[in-house]
């Protein structure tokens, strides 16, 4: 059996992108400097962590893998979408339905897709 230890993002500006995801998720940055080529975002409860690695080429096509996130506590999907947009995410695809189901796909500052899904409380109602 295997365990996922790290999800790695290729990016142009690892420190800045890791800071954005740190703000989005509330996870701390590992000891790093703005000029570092690799920056780790440590998940407080242990793996998987997020690793951001500087690469010379930019993103050219849709990601073949992305992260889905759920609001925690009493937050809602729509509140988190608005918060992430305020942090600098860009809207990509809106899959919300009139009944309240669905998700929203956003792009992080370097264009990586992430889906904001409903919270556990929203899924139960």
PDB file of N, CA and C in Angstrom:
ATOM      1  N   UNK A   1       0.840  -1.178   0.000  1.00  0.00           N
ATOM      2  CA  UNK A   1       0.000   0.000   0.000  1.00  0.00           C
ATOM      3  C   UNK A   1       0.882   1.238   0.000  1.00  0.00           C
ATOM      4  N   UNK A   2       0.314   2.335  -0.455  1.00  0.00           N
ATOM      5  CA  UNK A   2       1.038   3.601  -0.507  1.00  0.00           C
ATOM      6  C   UNK A   2       0.242   4.688   0.199  1.00  0.00           C
ATOM      7  N   UNK A   3       0.936   5.714   0.586  1.00  0.00           N
ATOM      8  CA  UNK A   3       0.316   6.889   1.185  1.00  0.00           C
ATOM      9  C   UNK A   3       0.806   8.110   0.421  1.00  0.00           C
ATOM     10  N   UNK A   4      -0.088   9.029   0.109  1.00  0.00           N
ATOM     11  CA  UNK A   4       0.335  10.254  -0.557  1.00  0.00           C
ATOM     12  C   UNK A   4       1.022  11.133   0.469  1.00  0.00           C
ATOM     13  N   UNK A   5       2.260  11.486   0.200  1.00  0.00           N
ATOM     14  CA  UNK A   5       3.030  12.322   1.113  1.00  0.00           C
ATOM     15  C   UNK A   5       2.977  13.789   0.694  1.00  0.00           C
ATOM     16  N   UNK A   6       3.083  14.045  -0.606  1.00  0.00           N
ATOM     17  CA  UNK A   6       3.165  15.414  -1.092  1.00  0.00           C
ATOM     18  C   UNK A   6       2.481  15.524  -2.444  1.00  0.00           C
ATOM     19  N   UNK A   7       1.782  16.623  -2.654  1.00  0.00           N
ATOM     20  CA  UNK A   7       1.274  16.989  -3.971  1.00  0.00           C
ATOM     21  C   UNK A   7       2.135  18.155  -4.425  1.00  0.00           C
ATOM     22  N   UNK A   8       2.728  18.040  -5.607  1.00  0.00           N
ATOM     23  CA  UNK A   8       3.701  19.018  -6.078  1.00  0.00           C
ATOM     24  C   UNK A   8       3.136  19.850  -7.214  1.00  0.00           C
ATOM     25  N   UNK A   9       3.339  21.157  -7.113  1.00  0.00           N
ATOM     26  CA  UNK A   9       2.948  22.104  -8.149  1.00  0.00           C
ATOM     27  C   UNK A   9       4.202  22.635  -8.829  1.00  0.00           C
ATOM     28  N   UNK A  10       4.286  22.517 -10.141  1.00  0.00           N
ATOM     29  CA  UNK A  10       5.304  23.223 -10.897  1.00  0.00           C
ATOM     30  C   UNK A  10       4.814  24.658 -11.039  1.00  0.00           C
ATOM     31  N   UNK A  11       5.701  25.626 -10.845  1.00  0.00           N
ATOM     32  CA  UNK A  11       5.260  27.022 -10.903  1.00  0.00           C
ATOM     33  C   UNK A  11       6.436  27.950 -11.190  1.00  0.00           C
ATOM     34  N   UNK A  12       6.122  29.186 -11.506  1.00  0.00           N
ATOM     35  CA  UNK A  12       7.140  30.196 -11.787  1.00  0.00           C
ATOM     36  C   UNK A  12       7.650  30.850 -10.504  1.00  0.00           C
ATOM     37  N   UNK A  13       6.761  31.038  -9.523  1.00  0.00           N
ATOM     38  CA  UNK A  13       7.108  31.751  -8.303  1.00  0.00           C
ATOM     39  C   UNK A  13       6.667  30.935  -7.083  1.00  0.00           C
ATOM     40  N   UNK A  14       7.479  29.968  -6.678  1.00  0.00           N
ATOM     41  CA  UNK A  14       7.066  29.045  -5.623  1.00  0.00           C
ATOM     42  C   UNK A  14       6.706  29.719  -4.300  1.00  0.00           C
ATOM     43  N   UNK A  15       7.492  30.666  -3.859  1.00  0.00           N
ATOM     44  CA  UNK A  15       7.224  31.286  -2.567  1.00  0.00           C
ATOM     45  C   UNK A  15       5.884  32.021  -2.578  1.00  0.00           C
ATOM     46  N   UNK A  16       5.648  32.799  -3.628  1.00  0.00           N
ATOM     47  CA  UNK A  16       4.408  33.570  -3.727  1.00  0.00           C
ATOM     48  C   UNK A  16       3.192  32.655  -3.849  1.00  0.00           C
ATOM     49  N   UNK A  17       3.305  31.588  -4.653  1.00  0.00           N
ATOM     50  CA  UNK A  17       2.174  30.679  -4.807  1.00  0.00           C
ATOM     51  C   UNK A  17       1.914  29.906  -3.515  1.00  0.00           C
ATOM     52  N   UNK A  18       2.987  29.498  -2.833  1.00  0.00           N
ATOM     53  CA  UNK A  18       2.824  28.817  -1.546  1.00  0.00           C
ATOM     54  C   UNK A  18       2.172  29.748  -0.525  1.00  0.00           C
ATOM     55  N   UNK A  19       2.523  31.019  -0.533  1.00  0.00           N
ATOM     56  CA  UNK A  19       1.886  31.982   0.371  1.00  0.00           C
ATOM     57  C   UNK A  19       0.388  32.075   0.088  1.00  0.00           C
ATOM     58  N   UNK A  20       0.010  32.097  -1.201  1.00  0.00           N
ATOM     59  CA  UNK A  20      -1.407  32.176  -1.553  1.00  0.00           C
ATOM     60  C   UNK A  20      -2.151  30.950  -1.020  1.00  0.00           C
ATOM     61  N   UNK A  21      -1.614  29.760  -1.269  1.00  0.00           N
ATOM     62  CA  UNK A  21      -2.259  28.537  -0.797  1.00  0.00           C
ATOM     63  C   UNK A  21      -2.261  28.480   0.738  1.00  0.00           C
ATOM     64  N   UNK A  22      -1.218  29.010   1.383  1.00  0.00           N
ATOM     65  CA  UNK A  22      -1.190  29.062   2.842  1.00  0.00           C
ATOM     66  C   UNK A  22      -2.359  29.896   3.361  1.00  0.00           C
ATOM     67  N   UNK A  23      -2.589  31.030   2.734  1.00  0.00           N
ATOM     68  CA  UNK A  23      -3.719  31.886   3.125  1.00  0.00           C
ATOM     69  C   UNK A  23      -5.048  31.189   2.824  1.00  0.00           C
ATOM     70  N   UNK A  24      -5.137  30.518   1.681  1.00  0.00           N
ATOM     71  CA  UNK A  24      -6.376  29.844   1.296  1.00  0.00           C
ATOM     72  C   UNK A  24      -6.720  28.700   2.242  1.00  0.00           C
ATOM     73  N   UNK A  25      -5.722  27.901   2.624  1.00  0.00           N
ATOM     74  CA  UNK A  25      -5.958  26.700   3.426  1.00  0.00           C
ATOM     75  C   UNK A  25      -5.726  26.887   4.920  1.00  0.00           C
ATOM     76  N   UNK A  26      -4.972  27.912   5.281  1.00  0.00           N
ATOM     77  CA  UNK A  26      -4.619  28.075   6.685  1.00  0.00           C
ATOM     78  C   UNK A  26      -3.501  27.148   7.127  1.00  0.00           C
ATOM     79  N   UNK A  27      -2.721  26.649   6.177  1.00  0.00           N
ATOM     80  CA  UNK A  27      -1.587  25.773   6.485  1.00  0.00           C
ATOM     81  C   UNK A  27      -0.320  26.618   6.533  1.00  0.00           C
ATOM     82  N   UNK A  28       0.613  26.313   7.427  1.00  0.00           N
ATOM     83  CA  UNK A  28       1.841  27.111   7.517  1.00  0.00           C
ATOM     84  C   UNK A  28       2.872  26.741   6.446  1.00  0.00           C
ATOM     85  N   UNK A  29       3.656  27.749   6.082  1.00  0.00           N
ATOM     86  CA  UNK A  29       4.807  27.511   5.219  1.00  0.00           C
ATOM     87  C   UNK A  29       5.917  26.875   6.046  1.00  0.00           C
ATOM     88  N   UNK A  30       6.606  25.916   5.458  1.00  0.00           N
ATOM     89  CA  UNK A  30       7.807  25.393   6.097  1.00  0.00           C
ATOM     90  C   UNK A  30       8.873  26.483   6.000  1.00  0.00           C
ATOM     91  N   UNK A  31       9.935  26.341   6.736  1.00  0.00           N
ATOM     92  CA  UNK A  31      11.012  27.326   6.722  1.00  0.00           C
ATOM     93  C   UNK A  31      11.484  27.544   5.287  1.00  0.00           C
ATOM     94  N   UNK A  32      11.290  28.765   4.781  1.00  0.00           N
ATOM     95  CA  UNK A  32      11.673  29.058   3.398  1.00  0.00           C
ATOM     96  C   UNK A  32      11.889  30.548   3.222  1.00  0.00           C
ATOM     97  N   UNK A  33      12.512  30.891   2.121  1.00  0.00           N
ATOM     98  CA  UNK A  33      12.818  32.280   1.759  1.00  0.00           C
ATOM     99  C   UNK A  33      12.205  32.580   0.393  1.00  0.00           C
ATOM    100  N   UNK A  34      11.915  33.858   0.104  1.00  0.00           N
ATOM    101  CA  UNK A  34      11.283  34.210  -1.171  1.00  0.00           C
ATOM    102  C   UNK A  34      12.049  33.757  -2.418  1.00  0.00           C
ATOM    103  N   UNK A  35      13.357  33.625  -2.337  1.00  0.00           N
ATOM    104  CA  UNK A  35      14.136  33.224  -3.514  1.00  0.00           C
ATOM    105  C   UNK A  35      14.293  31.708  -3.657  1.00  0.00           C
ATOM    106  N   UNK A  36      13.767  30.928  -2.725  1.00  0.00           N
ATOM    107  CA  UNK A  36      13.901  29.469  -2.784  1.00  0.00           C
ATOM    108  C   UNK A  36      13.208  28.888  -4.014  1.00  0.00           C
ATOM    109  N   UNK A  37      13.814  27.839  -4.560  1.00  0.00           N
ATOM    110  CA  UNK A  37      13.243  27.151  -5.726  1.00  0.00           C
ATOM    111  C   UNK A  37      12.206  26.110  -5.332  1.00  0.00           C
ATOM    112  N   UNK A  38      12.185  25.725  -4.065  1.00  0.00           N
ATOM    113  CA  UNK A  38      11.204  24.765  -3.555  1.00  0.00           C
ATOM    114  C   UNK A  38      10.657  25.290  -2.227  1.00  0.00           C
ATOM    115  N   UNK A  39       9.341  25.296  -2.123  1.00  0.00           N
ATOM    116  CA  UNK A  39       8.703  25.772  -0.895  1.00  0.00           C
ATOM    117  C   UNK A  39       7.621  24.768  -0.504  1.00  0.00           C
ATOM    118  N   UNK A  40       7.669  24.306   0.742  1.00  0.00           N
ATOM    119  CA  UNK A  40       6.714  23.316   1.248  1.00  0.00           C
ATOM    120  C   UNK A  40       5.654  24.012   2.085  1.00  0.00           C
ATOM    121  N   UNK A  41       4.428  23.563   1.897  1.00  0.00           N
ATOM    122  CA  UNK A  41       3.317  23.988   2.736  1.00  0.00           C
ATOM    123  C   UNK A  41       2.942  22.768   3.567  1.00  0.00           C
ATOM    124  N   UNK A  42       3.115  22.871   4.878  1.00  0.00           N
ATOM    125  CA  UNK A  42       2.899  21.728   5.759  1.00  0.00           C
ATOM    126  C   UNK A  42       1.446  21.640   6.198  1.00  0.00           C
ATOM    127  N   UNK A  43       0.833  20.505   5.944  1.00  0.00           N
ATOM    128  CA  UNK A  43      -0.521  20.266   6.450  1.00  0.00           C
ATOM    129  C   UNK A  43      -0.406  19.996   7.943  1.00  0.00           C
ATOM    130  N   UNK A  44      -1.153  20.727   8.766  1.00  0.00           N
ATOM    131  CA  UNK A  44      -1.011  20.585  10.217  1.00  0.00           C
ATOM    132  C   UNK A  44      -1.213  19.157  10.737  1.00  0.00           C
ATOM    133  N   UNK A  45      -2.094  18.375  10.132  1.00  0.00           N
ATOM    134  CA  UNK A  45      -2.371  17.018  10.602  1.00  0.00           C
ATOM    135  C   UNK A  45      -1.474  15.968   9.971  1.00  0.00           C
ATOM    136  N   UNK A  46      -0.451  16.391   9.251  1.00  0.00           N
ATOM    137  CA  UNK A  46       0.440  15.457   8.576  1.00  0.00           C
ATOM    138  C   UNK A  46       0.098  15.344   7.107  1.00  0.00           C
ATOM    139  N   UNK A  47       0.793  14.452   6.392  1.00  0.00           N
ATOM    140  CA  UNK A  47       0.625  14.372   4.943  1.00  0.00           C
ATOM    141  C   UNK A  47      -0.817  14.152   4.512  1.00  0.00           C
ATOM    142  N   UNK A  48      -1.149  14.573   3.295  1.00  0.00           N
ATOM    143  CA  UNK A  48      -0.233  15.098   2.284  1.00  0.00           C
ATOM    144  C   UNK A  48       0.042  16.593   2.454  1.00  0.00           C
ATOM    145  N   UNK A  49       1.266  16.968   2.116  1.00  0.00           N
ATOM    146  CA  UNK A  49       1.694  18.356   2.118  1.00  0.00           C
ATOM    147  C   UNK A  49       1.622  18.877   0.680  1.00  0.00           C
ATOM    148  N   UNK A  50       1.809  20.166   0.516  1.00  0.00           N
ATOM    149  CA  UNK A  50       1.888  20.755  -0.817  1.00  0.00           C
ATOM    150  C   UNK A  50       3.294  21.300  -1.015  1.00  0.00           C
ATOM    151  N   UNK A  51       3.882  20.978  -2.169  1.00  0.00           N
ATOM    152  CA  UNK A  51       5.233  21.423  -2.497  1.00  0.00           C
ATOM    153  C   UNK A  51       5.163  22.229  -3.780  1.00  0.00           C
ATOM    154  N   UNK A  52       5.816  23.376  -3.784  1.00  0.00           N
ATOM    155  CA  UNK A  52       5.823  24.268  -4.938  1.00  0.00           C
ATOM    156  C   UNK A  52       7.257  24.360  -5.445  1.00  0.00           C
ATOM    157  N   UNK A  53       7.452  23.966  -6.723  1.00  0.00           N
ATOM    158  CA  UNK A  53       8.796  23.891  -7.294  1.00  0.00           C
ATOM    159  C   UNK A  53       8.878  24.808  -8.510  1.00  0.00           C
ATOM    160  N   UNK A  54       9.951  25.621  -8.548  1.00  0.00           N
ATOM    161  CA  UNK A  54      10.176  26.529  -9.676  1.00  0.00           C
ATOM    162  C   UNK A  54      10.562  25.725 -10.926  1.00  0.00           C
ATOM    163  N   UNK A  55       9.878  25.997 -12.021  1.00  0.00           N
ATOM    164  CA  UNK A  55      10.207  25.418 -13.318  1.00  0.00           C
ATOM    165  C   UNK A  55      10.268  26.557 -14.338  1.00  0.00           C
ATOM    166  N   UNK A  56      11.032  26.378 -15.412  1.00  0.00           N
ATOM    167  CA  UNK A  56      11.182  27.476 -16.381  1.00  0.00           C
ATOM    168  C   UNK A  56       9.978  27.668 -17.298  1.00  0.00           C
ATOM    169  N   UNK A  57       9.243  26.610 -17.566  1.00  0.00           N
ATOM    170  CA  UNK A  57       8.129  26.716 -18.505  1.00  0.00           C
ATOM    171  C   UNK A  57       6.836  27.069 -17.776  1.00  0.00           C
ATOM    172  N   UNK A  58       5.957  27.781 -18.466  1.00  0.00           N
ATOM    173  CA  UNK A  58       4.670  28.136 -17.906  1.00  0.00           C
ATOM    174  C   UNK A  58       3.624  27.078 -18.177  1.00  0.00           C
ATOM    175  N   UNK A  59       2.494  27.219 -17.550  1.00  0.00           N
ATOM    176  CA  UNK A  59       1.361  26.321 -17.774  1.00  0.00           C
ATOM    177  C   UNK A  59       0.779  26.601 -19.150  1.00  0.00           C
ATOM    178  N   UNK A  60       0.494  25.538 -19.907  1.00  0.00           N
ATOM    179  CA  UNK A  60      -0.013  25.740 -21.264  1.00  0.00           C
ATOM    180  C   UNK A  60      -1.370  25.105 -21.513  1.00  0.00           C
ATOM    181  N   UNK A  61      -1.749  24.119 -20.731  1.00  0.00           N
ATOM    182  CA  UNK A  61      -3.033  23.445 -20.939  1.00  0.00           C
ATOM    183  C   UNK A  61      -3.700  23.198 -19.593  1.00  0.00           C
ATOM    184  N   UNK A  62      -4.928  22.716 -19.638  1.00  0.00           N
ATOM    185  CA  UNK A  62      -5.680  22.380 -18.424  1.00  0.00           C
ATOM    186  C   UNK A  62      -4.909  21.349 -17.601  1.00  0.00           C
ATOM    187  N   UNK A  63      -4.932  21.537 -16.280  1.00  0.00           N
ATOM    188  CA  UNK A  63      -4.306  20.550 -15.393  1.00  0.00           C
ATOM    189  C   UNK A  63      -4.983  19.196 -15.560  1.00  0.00           C
ATOM    190  N   UNK A  64      -4.215  18.145 -15.461  1.00  0.00           N
ATOM    191  CA  UNK A  64      -4.777  16.799 -15.491  1.00  0.00           C
ATOM    192  C   UNK A  64      -5.110  16.323 -14.093  1.00  0.00           C
ATOM    193  N   UNK A  65      -4.705  17.081 -13.092  1.00  0.00           N
ATOM    194  CA  UNK A  65      -5.049  16.796 -11.704  1.00  0.00           C
ATOM    195  C   UNK A  65      -5.298  18.148 -11.047  1.00  0.00           C
ATOM    196  N   UNK A  66      -6.204  18.177 -10.092  1.00  0.00           N
ATOM    197  CA  UNK A  66      -6.461  19.413  -9.358  1.00  0.00           C
ATOM    198  C   UNK A  66      -6.922  19.050  -7.950  1.00  0.00           C
ATOM    199  N   UNK A  67      -7.027  20.069  -7.110  1.00  0.00           N
ATOM    200  CA  UNK A  67      -7.422  19.862  -5.719  1.00  0.00           C
ATOM    201  C   UNK A  67      -8.862  20.305  -5.538  1.00  0.00           C
ATOM    202  N   UNK A  68      -9.651  19.479  -4.857  1.00  0.00           N
ATOM    203  CA  UNK A  68     -11.005  19.848  -4.436  1.00  0.00           C
ATOM    204  C   UNK A  68     -10.926  20.243  -2.969  1.00  0.00           C
ATOM    205  N   UNK A  69     -11.574  21.346  -2.618  1.00  0.00           N
ATOM    206  CA  UNK A  69     -11.588  21.797  -1.223  1.00  0.00           C
ATOM    207  C   UNK A  69     -13.025  21.924  -0.738  1.00  0.00           C
ATOM    208  N   UNK A  70     -13.213  21.662   0.555  1.00  0.00           N
ATOM    209  CA  UNK A  70     -14.511  21.805   1.216  1.00  0.00           C
ATOM    210  C   UNK A  70     -14.367  22.818   2.340  1.00  0.00           C
ATOM    211  N   UNK A  71     -15.370  23.663   2.550  1.00  0.00           N
ATOM    212  CA  UNK A  71     -15.343  24.564   3.705  1.00  0.00           C
ATOM    213  C   UNK A  71     -15.372  23.755   4.997  1.00  0.00           C
ATOM    214  N   UNK A  72     -14.711  24.280   6.010  1.00  0.00           N
ATOM    215  CA  UNK A  72     -14.739  23.660   7.334  1.00  0.00           C
ATOM    216  C   UNK A  72     -15.586  24.523   8.261  1.00  0.00           C
ATOM    217  N   UNK A  73     -15.902  23.989   9.416  1.00  0.00           N
ATOM    218  CA  UNK A  73     -16.707  24.736  10.379  1.00  0.00           C
ATOM    219  C   UNK A  73     -18.079  25.043   9.806  1.00  0.00           C
ATOM    220  N   UNK A  74     -18.556  26.255  10.059  1.00  0.00           N
ATOM    221  CA  UNK A  74     -19.878  26.615   9.558  1.00  0.00           C
ATOM    222  C   UNK A  74     -19.816  27.433   8.270  1.00  0.00           C
ATOM    223  N   UNK A  75     -18.660  27.446   7.615  1.00  0.00           N
ATOM    224  CA  UNK A  75     -18.523  28.155   6.346  1.00  0.00           C
ATOM    225  C   UNK A  75     -19.257  27.439   5.230  1.00  0.00           C
ATOM    226  N   UNK A  76     -19.614  28.186   4.194  1.00  0.00           N
ATOM    227  CA  UNK A  76     -20.305  27.611   3.047  1.00  0.00           C
ATOM    228  C   UNK A  76     -19.431  27.677   1.812  1.00  0.00           C
ATOM    229  N   UNK A  77     -19.803  26.920   0.826  1.00  0.00           N
ATOM    230  CA  UNK A  77     -19.111  26.933  -0.462  1.00  0.00           C
ATOM    231  C   UNK A  77     -19.056  28.350  -1.011  1.00  0.00           C
ATOM    232  N   UNK A  78     -20.214  29.022  -1.036  1.00  0.00           N
ATOM    233  CA  UNK A  78     -20.273  30.343  -1.646  1.00  0.00           C
ATOM    234  C   UNK A  78     -19.443  31.371  -0.884  1.00  0.00           C
ATOM    235  N   UNK A  79     -19.406  31.270   0.449  1.00  0.00           N
ATOM    236  CA  UNK A  79     -18.559  32.163   1.239  1.00  0.00           C
ATOM    237  C   UNK A  79     -17.084  31.944   0.900  1.00  0.00           C
ATOM    238  N   UNK A  80     -16.698  30.676   0.769  1.00  0.00           N
ATOM    239  CA  UNK A  80     -15.300  30.379   0.459  1.00  0.00           C
ATOM    240  C   UNK A  80     -14.931  30.791  -0.966  1.00  0.00           C
ATOM    241  N   UNK A  81     -15.853  30.651  -1.903  1.00  0.00           N
ATOM    242  CA  UNK A  81     -15.592  31.127  -3.266  1.00  0.00           C
ATOM    243  C   UNK A  81     -15.303  32.620  -3.223  1.00  0.00           C
ATOM    244  N   UNK A  82     -16.124  33.379  -2.524  1.00  0.00           N
ATOM    245  CA  UNK A  82     -15.926  34.835  -2.434  1.00  0.00           C
ATOM    246  C   UNK A  82     -14.607  35.173  -1.746  1.00  0.00           C
ATOM    247  N   UNK A  83     -14.264  34.427  -0.696  1.00  0.00           N
ATOM    248  CA  UNK A  83     -12.999  34.667   0.016  1.00  0.00           C
ATOM    249  C   UNK A  83     -11.806  34.404  -0.888  1.00  0.00           C
ATOM    250  N   UNK A  84     -11.844  33.299  -1.640  1.00  0.00           N
ATOM    251  CA  UNK A  84     -10.733  32.963  -2.527  1.00  0.00           C
ATOM    252  C   UNK A  84     -10.622  33.961  -3.674  1.00  0.00           C
ATOM    253  N   UNK A  85     -11.737  34.417  -4.188  1.00  0.00           N
ATOM    254  CA  UNK A  85     -11.699  35.455  -5.221  1.00  0.00           C
ATOM    255  C   UNK A  85     -11.056  36.728  -4.670  1.00  0.00           C
ATOM    256  N   UNK A  86     -11.388  37.087  -3.437  1.00  0.00           N
ATOM    257  CA  UNK A  86     -10.798  38.272  -2.809  1.00  0.00           C
ATOM    258  C   UNK A  86      -9.289  38.105  -2.597  1.00  0.00           C
ATOM    259  N   UNK A  87      -8.826  36.849  -2.421  1.00  0.00           N
ATOM    260  CA  UNK A  87      -7.393  36.577  -2.269  1.00  0.00           C
ATOM    261  C   UNK A  87      -6.656  36.595  -3.604  1.00  0.00           C
ATOM    262  N   UNK A  88      -7.399  36.627  -4.711  1.00  0.00           N
ATOM    263  CA  UNK A  88      -6.745  36.684  -6.015  1.00  0.00           C
ATOM    264  C   UNK A  88      -7.018  35.516  -6.932  1.00  0.00           C
ATOM    265  N   UNK A  89      -7.872  34.575  -6.525  1.00  0.00           N
ATOM    266  CA  UNK A  89      -8.260  33.489  -7.434  1.00  0.00           C
ATOM    267  C   UNK A  89      -9.076  34.088  -8.583  1.00  0.00           C
ATOM    268  N   UNK A  90      -9.105  33.378  -9.697  1.00  0.00           N
ATOM    269  CA  UNK A  90      -9.898  33.806 -10.843  1.00  0.00           C
ATOM    270  C   UNK A  90     -11.019  32.789 -11.078  1.00  0.00           C
ATOM    271  N   UNK A  91     -12.221  33.269 -11.425  1.00  0.00           N
ATOM    272  CA  UNK A  91     -13.296  32.321 -11.746  1.00  0.00           C
ATOM    273  C   UNK A  91     -12.966  31.558 -13.020  1.00  0.00           C
ATOM    274  N   UNK A  92     -13.361  30.291 -13.075  1.00  0.00           N
ATOM    275  CA  UNK A  92     -13.104  29.474 -14.267  1.00  0.00           C
ATOM    276  C   UNK A  92     -14.399  28.839 -14.764  1.00  0.00           C
ATOM    277  N   UNK A  93     -15.012  27.982 -13.950  1.00  0.00           N
ATOM    278  CA  UNK A  93     -16.275  27.343 -14.333  1.00  0.00           C
ATOM    279  C   UNK A  93     -17.198  27.270 -13.125  1.00  0.00           C
ATOM    280  N   UNK A  94     -18.445  27.608 -13.340  1.00  0.00           N
ATOM    281  CA  UNK A  94     -19.422  27.584 -12.255  1.00  0.00           C
ATOM    282  C   UNK A  94     -20.387  26.433 -12.497  1.00  0.00           C
ATOM    283  N   UNK A  95     -20.339  25.429 -11.637  1.00  0.00           N
ATOM    284  CA  UNK A  95     -21.179  24.235 -11.762  1.00  0.00           C
ATOM    285  C   UNK A  95     -22.249  24.176 -10.673  1.00  0.00           C
ATOM    286  N   UNK A  96     -22.572  25.324 -10.073  1.00  0.00           N
ATOM    287  CA  UNK A  96     -23.641  25.368  -9.069  1.00  0.00           C
ATOM    288  C   UNK A  96     -24.987  25.241  -9.769  1.00  0.00           C
ATOM    289  N   UNK A  97     -25.904  24.569  -9.092  1.00  0.00           N
ATOM    290  CA  UNK A  97     -27.245  24.377  -9.650  1.00  0.00           C
ATOM    291  C   UNK A  97     -28.248  25.230  -8.878  1.00  0.00           C
ATOM    292  N   UNK A  98     -29.423  25.482  -9.463  1.00  0.00           N
ATOM    293  CA  UNK A  98     -30.455  26.238  -8.736  1.00  0.00           C
ATOM    294  C   UNK A  98     -30.867  25.574  -7.424  1.00  0.00           C
ATOM    295  N   UNK A  99     -30.713  24.252  -7.324  1.00  0.00           N
ATOM    296  CA  UNK A  99     -31.070  23.531  -6.090  1.00  0.00           C
ATOM    297  C   UNK A  99     -29.997  23.688  -5.010  1.00  0.00           C
ATOM    298  N   UNK A 100     -28.852  24.277  -5.342  1.00  0.00           N
ATOM    299  CA  UNK A 100     -27.797  24.489  -4.353  1.00  0.00           C
ATOM    300  C   UNK A 100     -26.675  23.476  -4.396  1.00  0.00           C
ATOM    301  N   UNK A 101     -26.774  22.466  -5.246  1.00  0.00           N
ATOM    302  CA  UNK A 101     -25.692  21.489  -5.353  1.00  0.00           C
ATOM    303  C   UNK A 101     -24.610  22.040  -6.290  1.00  0.00           C
ATOM    304  N   UNK A 102     -23.594  21.249  -6.521  1.00  0.00           N
ATOM    305  CA  UNK A 102     -22.552  21.623  -7.471  1.00  0.00           C
ATOM    306  C   UNK A 102     -21.324  22.229  -6.816  1.00  0.00           C
ATOM    307  N   UNK A 103     -20.443  22.732  -7.650  1.00  0.00           N
ATOM    308  CA  UNK A 103     -19.148  23.250  -7.217  1.00  0.00           C
ATOM    309  C   UNK A 103     -18.749  24.403  -8.124  1.00  0.00           C
ATOM    310  N   UNK A 104     -17.686  25.093  -7.727  1.00  0.00           N
ATOM    311  CA  UNK A 104     -17.138  26.192  -8.519  1.00  0.00           C
ATOM    312  C   UNK A 104     -15.664  25.894  -8.756  1.00  0.00           C
ATOM    313  N   UNK A 105     -15.231  25.968  -9.999  1.00  0.00           N
ATOM    314  CA  UNK A 105     -13.826  25.799 -10.331  1.00  0.00           C
ATOM    315  C   UNK A 105     -13.189  27.181 -10.449  1.00  0.00           C
ATOM    316  N   UNK A 106     -12.116  27.367  -9.687  1.00  0.00           N
ATOM    317  CA  UNK A 106     -11.351  28.611  -9.693  1.00  0.00           C
ATOM    318  C   UNK A 106      -9.940  28.325 -10.177  1.00  0.00           C
ATOM    319  N   UNK A 107      -9.211  29.382 -10.488  1.00  0.00           N
ATOM    320  CA  UNK A 107      -7.796  29.278 -10.840  1.00  0.00           C
ATOM    321  C   UNK A 107      -6.983  30.003  -9.781  1.00  0.00           C
ATOM    322  N   UNK A 108      -5.924  29.369  -9.298  1.00  0.00           N
ATOM    323  CA  UNK A 108      -5.038  30.049  -8.360  1.00  0.00           C
ATOM    324  C   UNK A 108      -4.228  31.099  -9.128  1.00  0.00           C
ATOM    325  N   UNK A 109      -3.371  31.873  -8.480  1.00  0.00           N
ATOM    326  CA  UNK A 109      -2.649  32.937  -9.181  1.00  0.00           C
ATOM    327  C   UNK A 109      -1.776  32.499 -10.352  1.00  0.00           C
ATOM    328  N   UNK A 110      -1.412  31.217 -10.427  1.00  0.00           N
ATOM    329  CA  UNK A 110      -0.636  30.737 -11.576  1.00  0.00           C
ATOM    330  C   UNK A 110      -1.477  29.904 -12.532  1.00  0.00           C
ATOM    331  N   UNK A 111      -2.792  29.899 -12.350  1.00  0.00           N
ATOM    332  CA  UNK A 111      -3.677  29.237 -13.289  1.00  0.00           C
ATOM    333  C   UNK A 111      -3.993  27.787 -13.000  1.00  0.00           C
ATOM    334  N   UNK A 112      -3.601  27.267 -11.832  1.00  0.00           N
ATOM    335  CA  UNK A 112      -3.939  25.890 -11.463  1.00  0.00           C
ATOM    336  C   UNK A 112      -5.384  25.825 -11.000  1.00  0.00           C
ATOM    337  N   UNK A 113      -6.117  24.805 -11.484  1.00  0.00           N
ATOM    338  CA  UNK A 113      -7.520  24.666 -11.128  1.00  0.00           C
ATOM    339  C   UNK A 113      -7.692  24.115  -9.713  1.00  0.00           C
ATOM    340  N   UNK A 114      -8.726  24.602  -9.032  1.00  0.00           N
ATOM    341  CA  UNK A 114      -9.170  24.037  -7.777  1.00  0.00           C
ATOM    342  C   UNK A 114     -10.683  24.131  -7.755  1.00  0.00           C
ATOM    343  N   UNK A 115     -11.321  23.139  -7.193  1.00  0.00           N
ATOM    344  CA  UNK A 115     -12.781  23.126  -7.108  1.00  0.00           C
ATOM    345  C   UNK A 115     -13.198  23.368  -5.666  1.00  0.00           C
ATOM    346  N   UNK A 116     -14.119  24.307  -5.487  1.00  0.00           N
ATOM    347  CA  UNK A 116     -14.674  24.588  -4.170  1.00  0.00           C
ATOM    348  C   UNK A 116     -16.019  23.873  -4.105  1.00  0.00           C
ATOM    349  N   UNK A 117     -16.098  22.879  -3.244  1.00  0.00           N
ATOM    350  CA  UNK A 117     -17.296  22.051  -3.105  1.00  0.00           C
ATOM    351  C   UNK A 117     -18.090  22.503  -1.885  1.00  0.00           C
ATOM    352  N   UNK A 118     -19.265  21.911  -1.702  1.00  0.00           N
ATOM    353  CA  UNK A 118     -20.098  22.248  -0.552  1.00  0.00           C
ATOM    354  C   UNK A 118     -19.519  21.680   0.739  1.00  0.00           C
ATOM    355  N   UNK A 119     -19.845  22.332   1.826  1.00  0.00           N
ATOM    356  CA  UNK A 119     -19.401  21.855   3.145  1.00  0.00           C
ATOM    357  C   UNK A 119     -20.191  20.590   3.515  1.00  0.00           C
ATOM    358  N   UNK A 120     -19.736  19.911   4.557  1.00  0.00           N
ATOM    359  CA  UNK A 120     -20.464  18.726   5.024  1.00  0.00           C
ATOM    360  C   UNK A 120     -21.882  19.107   5.424  1.00  0.00           C
ATOM    361  N   UNK A 121     -22.059  20.240   6.095  1.00  0.00           N
ATOM    362  CA  UNK A 121     -23.401  20.673   6.501  1.00  0.00           C
ATOM    363  C   UNK A 121     -24.289  20.950   5.289  1.00  0.00           C
ATOM    364  N   UNK A 122     -23.732  21.543   4.251  1.00  0.00           N
ATOM    365  CA  UNK A 122     -24.508  21.811   3.040  1.00  0.00           C
ATOM    366  C   UNK A 122     -24.905  20.514   2.336  1.00  0.00           C
ATOM    367  N   UNK A 123     -24.017  19.521   2.355  1.00  0.00           N
ATOM    368  CA  UNK A 123     -24.327  18.245   1.701  1.00  0.00           C
ATOM    369  C   UNK A 123     -25.394  17.472   2.454  1.00  0.00           C
ATOM    370  N   UNK A 124     -25.496  17.686   3.782  1.00  0.00           N
ATOM    371  CA  UNK A 124     -26.488  16.987   4.599  1.00  0.00           C
ATOM    372  C   UNK A 124     -27.872  17.585   4.496  1.00  0.00           C
ATOM    373  N   UNK A 125     -27.965  18.845   4.096  1.00  0.00           N
ATOM    374  CA  UNK A 125     -29.285  19.496   4.064  1.00  0.00           C
ATOM    375  C   UNK A 125     -30.007  19.260   2.751  1.00  0.00           C
TER     376      UNK A 125
END
